[in-house]
């Protein structure tokens, strides 16, 4: 399992998402919107207009699932921990 976080450097929720992954020892990849991915490409990946950051995905066994923002990531990782 790996988490992919799309965010901006000055975003509090983006920092919290990275810290959450670090604290739970979850591998993650961070991409900066506007530098490493365009807003248009992110919206295409999400499948709808993006109005907030971070946008997170969880990759498991080659399947990529859109999770949403920080709160959704926190809940998703809690569910992952409960399943282990």
N, C-alpha and C. Protein backbone atom coordinates (compact mmCIF):
# COMPACT_ATOMS: atom_id res chain seq x y z
N UNK A 1 0.84 -1.18 0.00
CA UNK A 1 0.00 0.00 0.00
C UNK A 1 0.89 1.24 0.00
N UNK A 2 0.45 2.22 -0.76
CA UNK A 2 1.13 3.52 -0.80
C UNK A 2 0.07 4.61 -0.93
N UNK A 3 0.32 5.74 -0.28
CA UNK A 3 -0.56 6.89 -0.39
C UNK A 3 0.09 7.89 -1.34
N UNK A 4 -0.72 8.47 -2.21
CA UNK A 4 -0.25 9.52 -3.11
C UNK A 4 -0.99 10.79 -2.72
N UNK A 5 -0.23 11.83 -2.39
CA UNK A 5 -0.80 13.09 -1.93
C UNK A 5 -0.48 14.17 -2.95
N UNK A 6 -1.51 14.86 -3.43
CA UNK A 6 -1.35 16.01 -4.30
C UNK A 6 -1.66 17.24 -3.46
N UNK A 7 -0.70 18.14 -3.34
CA UNK A 7 -0.92 19.30 -2.47
C UNK A 7 -0.06 20.48 -2.85
N UNK A 8 -0.04 21.45 -1.95
CA UNK A 8 0.79 22.65 -2.09
C UNK A 8 1.61 22.80 -0.82
N UNK A 9 2.78 23.39 -0.97
CA UNK A 9 3.71 23.49 0.16
C UNK A 9 3.17 24.34 1.31
N UNK A 10 2.36 25.36 1.02
CA UNK A 10 1.88 26.25 2.07
C UNK A 10 0.51 25.84 2.62
N UNK A 11 0.12 24.60 2.43
CA UNK A 11 -1.20 24.10 2.81
C UNK A 11 -1.11 23.31 4.13
N UNK A 12 -1.85 23.75 5.13
CA UNK A 12 -1.83 23.08 6.44
C UNK A 12 -2.33 21.65 6.35
N UNK A 13 -3.44 21.44 5.65
CA UNK A 13 -4.00 20.09 5.53
C UNK A 13 -3.05 19.16 4.76
N UNK A 14 -2.32 19.71 3.82
CA UNK A 14 -1.34 18.92 3.07
C UNK A 14 -0.20 18.48 3.99
N UNK A 15 0.27 19.39 4.82
CA UNK A 15 1.32 19.04 5.80
C UNK A 15 0.81 17.98 6.77
N UNK A 16 -0.43 18.13 7.22
CA UNK A 16 -1.01 17.16 8.15
C UNK A 16 -1.11 15.78 7.50
N UNK A 17 -1.42 15.73 6.23
CA UNK A 17 -1.52 14.46 5.51
C UNK A 17 -0.17 13.76 5.44
N UNK A 18 0.88 14.53 5.12
CA UNK A 18 2.23 13.94 5.09
C UNK A 18 2.65 13.47 6.47
N UNK A 19 2.38 14.28 7.50
CA UNK A 19 2.74 13.91 8.87
C UNK A 19 1.98 12.66 9.32
N UNK A 20 0.72 12.56 8.97
CA UNK A 20 -0.07 11.38 9.32
C UNK A 20 0.56 10.12 8.74
N UNK A 21 0.94 10.19 7.47
CA UNK A 21 1.59 9.02 6.84
C UNK A 21 2.91 8.69 7.54
N UNK A 22 3.68 9.72 7.85
CA UNK A 22 4.96 9.49 8.54
C UNK A 22 4.74 8.87 9.91
N UNK A 23 3.77 9.38 10.66
CA UNK A 23 3.52 8.88 12.02
C UNK A 23 3.03 7.43 12.00
N UNK A 24 2.30 7.06 10.94
CA UNK A 24 1.78 5.69 10.86
C UNK A 24 2.67 4.78 10.01
N UNK A 25 3.84 5.28 9.63
CA UNK A 25 4.80 4.53 8.81
C UNK A 25 4.17 4.00 7.53
N UNK A 26 3.36 4.84 6.90
CA UNK A 26 2.71 4.49 5.63
C UNK A 26 3.53 5.14 4.52
N UNK A 27 4.01 4.35 3.57
CA UNK A 27 4.75 4.94 2.46
C UNK A 27 3.86 5.91 1.68
N UNK A 28 4.43 7.05 1.29
CA UNK A 28 3.65 8.01 0.52
C UNK A 28 4.53 8.72 -0.49
N UNK A 29 3.87 9.23 -1.50
CA UNK A 29 4.53 10.02 -2.54
C UNK A 29 3.79 11.35 -2.59
N UNK A 30 4.52 12.46 -2.52
CA UNK A 30 3.92 13.79 -2.49
C UNK A 30 4.24 14.52 -3.79
N UNK A 31 3.20 15.05 -4.44
CA UNK A 31 3.37 15.81 -5.67
C UNK A 31 2.80 17.21 -5.46
N UNK A 32 3.55 18.22 -5.85
CA UNK A 32 3.13 19.60 -5.68
C UNK A 32 2.30 20.03 -6.89
N UNK A 33 1.07 20.47 -6.63
CA UNK A 33 0.17 20.94 -7.68
C UNK A 33 0.71 22.26 -8.21
N UNK A 34 0.78 22.35 -9.51
CA UNK A 34 1.32 23.54 -10.16
C UNK A 34 2.78 23.39 -10.52
N UNK A 35 3.46 22.44 -9.91
CA UNK A 35 4.87 22.21 -10.23
C UNK A 35 5.05 20.82 -10.85
N UNK A 36 4.57 19.78 -10.16
CA UNK A 36 4.76 18.41 -10.64
C UNK A 36 3.52 17.85 -11.34
N UNK A 37 2.40 18.50 -11.14
CA UNK A 37 1.17 18.14 -11.83
C UNK A 37 0.33 19.41 -11.97
N UNK A 38 -0.30 19.56 -13.12
CA UNK A 38 -1.14 20.74 -13.34
C UNK A 38 -2.51 20.53 -12.69
N UNK A 39 -3.21 21.62 -12.46
CA UNK A 39 -4.56 21.53 -11.91
C UNK A 39 -5.45 20.72 -12.85
N UNK A 40 -5.32 20.97 -14.16
CA UNK A 40 -6.13 20.25 -15.15
C UNK A 40 -5.85 18.74 -15.10
N UNK A 41 -4.58 18.36 -14.98
CA UNK A 41 -4.24 16.94 -14.90
C UNK A 41 -4.76 16.32 -13.60
N UNK A 42 -4.69 17.05 -12.51
CA UNK A 42 -5.21 16.55 -11.24
C UNK A 42 -6.72 16.36 -11.33
N UNK A 43 -7.41 17.33 -11.92
CA UNK A 43 -8.87 17.22 -12.06
C UNK A 43 -9.23 16.01 -12.93
N UNK A 44 -8.45 15.76 -13.97
CA UNK A 44 -8.68 14.59 -14.81
C UNK A 44 -8.48 13.31 -14.02
N UNK A 45 -7.48 13.29 -13.17
CA UNK A 45 -7.20 12.10 -12.36
C UNK A 45 -8.30 11.87 -11.33
N UNK A 46 -8.79 12.95 -10.71
CA UNK A 46 -9.85 12.86 -9.71
C UNK A 46 -11.19 12.53 -10.38
N UNK A 47 -11.39 13.07 -11.59
CA UNK A 47 -12.63 12.82 -12.30
C UNK A 47 -13.70 13.87 -12.10
N UNK A 48 -13.32 14.98 -11.49
CA UNK A 48 -14.25 16.09 -11.26
C UNK A 48 -13.42 17.32 -10.90
N UNK A 49 -14.05 18.49 -10.89
CA UNK A 49 -13.30 19.70 -10.51
C UNK A 49 -12.74 19.58 -9.08
N UNK A 50 -11.54 20.06 -8.91
CA UNK A 50 -10.88 20.03 -7.60
C UNK A 50 -10.97 21.42 -7.00
N UNK A 51 -11.56 21.51 -5.81
CA UNK A 51 -11.74 22.81 -5.16
C UNK A 51 -10.90 22.96 -3.90
N UNK A 52 -10.26 21.87 -3.48
CA UNK A 52 -9.46 21.95 -2.26
C UNK A 52 -8.30 20.96 -2.34
N UNK A 53 -7.31 21.20 -1.51
CA UNK A 53 -6.15 20.33 -1.38
C UNK A 53 -5.99 19.98 0.08
N UNK A 54 -5.42 18.85 0.37
CA UNK A 54 -4.85 17.89 -0.56
C UNK A 54 -5.92 17.02 -1.22
N UNK A 55 -5.51 16.38 -2.28
CA UNK A 55 -6.28 15.30 -2.89
C UNK A 55 -5.41 14.06 -2.74
N UNK A 56 -5.95 13.04 -2.12
CA UNK A 56 -5.16 11.85 -1.84
C UNK A 56 -5.76 10.62 -2.51
N UNK A 57 -4.87 9.70 -2.81
CA UNK A 57 -5.23 8.41 -3.39
C UNK A 57 -4.50 7.34 -2.60
N UNK A 58 -5.09 6.15 -2.53
CA UNK A 58 -4.42 5.00 -1.95
C UNK A 58 -4.24 3.97 -3.05
N UNK A 59 -3.01 3.52 -3.20
CA UNK A 59 -2.68 2.49 -4.19
C UNK A 59 -2.49 1.16 -3.46
N UNK A 60 -3.30 0.19 -3.83
CA UNK A 60 -3.20 -1.16 -3.25
C UNK A 60 -3.25 -2.17 -4.37
N UNK A 61 -2.28 -3.04 -4.42
CA UNK A 61 -2.25 -4.12 -5.41
C UNK A 61 -2.49 -3.61 -6.83
N UNK A 62 -1.90 -2.47 -7.16
CA UNK A 62 -2.01 -1.90 -8.50
C UNK A 62 -3.28 -1.11 -8.75
N UNK A 63 -4.23 -1.11 -7.81
CA UNK A 63 -5.47 -0.36 -7.97
C UNK A 63 -5.35 0.97 -7.23
N UNK A 64 -5.78 2.04 -7.88
CA UNK A 64 -5.70 3.39 -7.33
C UNK A 64 -7.10 3.85 -6.96
N UNK A 65 -7.28 4.24 -5.68
CA UNK A 65 -8.57 4.69 -5.18
C UNK A 65 -8.46 6.12 -4.68
N UNK A 66 -9.36 6.99 -5.17
CA UNK A 66 -9.38 8.38 -4.70
C UNK A 66 -10.01 8.40 -3.32
N UNK A 67 -9.32 9.05 -2.38
CA UNK A 67 -9.78 9.13 -1.00
C UNK A 67 -10.39 10.49 -0.72
N UNK A 68 -9.71 11.56 -1.09
CA UNK A 68 -10.18 12.92 -0.81
C UNK A 68 -9.15 13.69 -0.04
N UNK A 69 -9.61 14.46 0.95
CA UNK A 69 -8.73 15.32 1.74
C UNK A 69 -8.17 14.65 2.97
N UNK A 70 -7.65 15.48 3.88
CA UNK A 70 -6.99 14.98 5.09
C UNK A 70 -7.92 14.12 5.94
N UNK A 71 -9.12 14.61 6.23
CA UNK A 71 -10.03 13.86 7.10
C UNK A 71 -10.38 12.50 6.50
N UNK A 72 -10.61 12.47 5.19
CA UNK A 72 -10.92 11.20 4.52
C UNK A 72 -9.72 10.26 4.56
N UNK A 73 -8.51 10.81 4.42
CA UNK A 73 -7.30 9.99 4.51
C UNK A 73 -7.16 9.41 5.91
N UNK A 74 -7.38 10.23 6.92
CA UNK A 74 -7.29 9.76 8.30
C UNK A 74 -8.25 8.59 8.53
N UNK A 75 -9.48 8.74 8.07
CA UNK A 75 -10.47 7.67 8.24
C UNK A 75 -10.09 6.42 7.45
N UNK A 76 -9.59 6.61 6.24
CA UNK A 76 -9.18 5.47 5.41
C UNK A 76 -8.03 4.70 6.05
N UNK A 77 -7.08 5.43 6.64
CA UNK A 77 -5.94 4.76 7.28
C UNK A 77 -6.38 4.08 8.58
N UNK A 78 -7.36 4.63 9.27
CA UNK A 78 -7.90 3.95 10.46
C UNK A 78 -8.52 2.63 10.05
N UNK A 79 -9.25 2.63 8.95
CA UNK A 79 -9.88 1.41 8.44
C UNK A 79 -8.85 0.37 8.04
N UNK A 80 -7.73 0.86 7.48
CA UNK A 80 -6.64 -0.04 7.08
C UNK A 80 -6.01 -0.67 8.30
N UNK A 81 -5.80 0.12 9.36
CA UNK A 81 -5.20 -0.40 10.59
C UNK A 81 -6.12 -1.43 11.24
N UNK A 82 -7.43 -1.18 11.20
CA UNK A 82 -8.39 -2.10 11.81
C UNK A 82 -8.43 -3.42 11.05
N UNK A 83 -8.18 -3.36 9.72
CA UNK A 83 -8.23 -4.57 8.91
C UNK A 83 -6.99 -5.44 9.09
N UNK A 84 -5.92 -4.85 9.62
CA UNK A 84 -4.66 -5.62 9.77
C UNK A 84 -4.69 -6.53 10.98
